[in-house]
Amino acid sequence: MRVVITVVSFIVFLLIVWWAYSGRQKKRFDEAANLPFADDEMQERTIESQQSSGGKTSSDIKSAGQPAARVTAEKEVPHV
């Protein structure tokens, strides 16, 4: 039984590696890698492209043009 679990786990690992390095994921991963360097204009383009593609992500709740810090600050509850 242990051998079967080991073989299945190894196959799943190989499938994950294949998926991560496949050509279809490259654009998505490259965009994610550049997120720390993104400016507000790039954020707006990303939001617009996600909305036009019909994707529902956490960035859909952000209003266009508002920085992430401002949206977060509006949700904070003041301490009493």
Protein backbone atom coordinates (compact mmCIF):
# COMPACT_ATOMS: atom_id res chain seq x y z
CA MET A 1 0.00 0.00 0.00
CA ARG A 2 2.85 2.42 0.80
CA VAL A 3 4.34 1.83 -2.63
CA VAL A 4 1.07 2.71 -4.33
CA ILE A 5 0.75 5.95 -2.32
CA THR A 6 4.36 6.86 -3.09
CA VAL A 7 3.92 6.25 -6.83
CA VAL A 8 0.64 8.20 -6.95
CA SER A 9 2.22 11.07 -5.01
CA PHE A 10 5.17 11.15 -7.39
CA ILE A 11 2.85 11.20 -10.40
CA VAL A 12 0.84 14.06 -8.88
CA PHE A 13 4.09 15.94 -8.23
CA LEU A 14 5.16 15.48 -11.85
CA LEU A 15 1.77 16.70 -13.08
CA ILE A 16 2.04 19.84 -10.94
CA VAL A 17 5.54 20.54 -12.25
CA TRP A 18 4.36 20.00 -15.84
CA TRP A 19 1.42 22.37 -15.28
CA ALA A 20 3.61 25.05 -13.67
CA TYR A 21 6.13 25.03 -16.52
CA SER A 22 3.64 24.69 -19.37
CA GLY A 23 3.55 27.47 -21.96
CA ARG A 24 -0.06 28.39 -21.21
CA GLN A 25 0.78 29.47 -17.66
CA LYS A 26 3.83 31.59 -18.59
CA LYS A 27 1.92 34.83 -19.24
CA ARG A 28 -0.05 34.48 -16.01
CA PHE A 29 3.03 33.73 -13.90
CA ASP A 30 5.05 36.54 -15.53
CA GLU A 31 2.30 39.02 -14.67
CA ALA A 32 2.15 37.75 -11.09
CA ALA A 33 5.94 38.05 -10.78
CA ASN A 34 5.76 41.72 -11.77
CA LEU A 35 2.96 42.66 -9.39
CA PRO A 36 5.27 44.18 -6.74
CA PHE A 37 6.51 46.62 -9.39
CA ALA A 38 3.09 47.46 -10.80
CA ASP A 39 1.75 50.99 -10.78
CA ASP A 40 -1.85 52.17 -10.62
CA GLU A 41 -2.17 52.28 -14.41
CA MET A 42 -1.17 48.64 -14.72
CA GLN A 43 -3.59 47.76 -11.93
CA GLU A 44 -6.44 49.47 -13.79
CA ARG A 45 -5.57 47.62 -17.01
CA THR A 46 -5.53 44.32 -15.14
CA ILE A 47 -8.90 45.03 -13.52
CA GLU A 48 -10.41 46.02 -16.86
CA SER A 49 -9.09 42.88 -18.58
CA GLN A 50 -10.38 40.64 -15.79
CA GLN A 51 -13.80 42.26 -15.87
CA SER A 52 -13.99 41.94 -19.66
CA SER A 53 -13.04 38.25 -19.45
CA GLY A 54 -15.71 37.63 -16.82
CA GLY A 55 -13.27 36.52 -14.11
CA LYS A 56 -14.34 37.07 -10.53
CA THR A 57 -11.36 37.91 -8.35
CA SER A 58 -10.65 39.97 -5.27
CA SER A 59 -9.61 42.86 -7.50
CA ASP A 60 -13.18 43.05 -8.84
CA ILE A 61 -14.29 44.60 -5.57
CA LYS A 62 -11.80 47.41 -5.87
CA SER A 63 -13.08 50.51 -7.58
CA ALA A 64 -11.16 51.53 -10.66
CA GLY A 65 -8.75 54.31 -9.89
CA GLN A 66 -8.55 53.73 -6.14
CA PRO A 67 -5.27 52.42 -4.78
CA ALA A 68 -5.43 49.21 -2.77
CA ALA A 69 -4.42 51.01 0.44
CA ARG A 70 -7.40 53.34 0.19
CA VAL A 71 -9.85 50.46 -0.32
CA THR A 72 -8.34 48.64 2.67
CA ALA A 73 -8.49 51.76 4.85
CA GLU A 74 -12.21 52.17 4.15
CA LYS A 75 -12.89 48.67 5.49
CA GLU A 76 -11.03 49.16 8.77
CA VAL A 77 -13.08 49.58 11.91
CA PRO A 78 -11.88 52.30 14.32
CA HIS A 79 -10.83 51.12 17.76
CA VAL A 80 -12.90 52.43 20.63
